[in-house]
Amino acid sequence: MNRSIVAIITGLLVLTPLAAQAGPIQNRTNNQQHRIYQGVKNGSISPKEYRRLERRQDNIEASRRRDVRSGGKLTQGEKHRLNYRLNRLSNTIYRTKHN
């Protein structure tokens, strides 16, 4: 029983920095994810385009998690780089939905 308590506490300590950085970047990621799903639902995004957009979205999210784990919070440079990538993906989502 003590091991399970230690495992739960350790898990919470590991995930706390990730939750603390949810903020605006995570909100943008969620919003873009919703835009992609809406495009699939209404047929403006094909299955192939969906896979490509999802892969890019996953790569951005993996970068964010990696950046947070490395220092506990995002630096200004990391925020700038993630926002730049999110802006590019947002433009791609728009162009894909309207082609």
Foldseek 3Di string as FASTA:
>chain_A
DVVVVVVVVVVCVQCVLVVVACPPLVVLLVVVVVLLVVLVVVVLADPVNSVVLVVLSVVLVVLLSVQCNVPSYHDPVSVVVSVVSSVVSVVVSVVSSVD
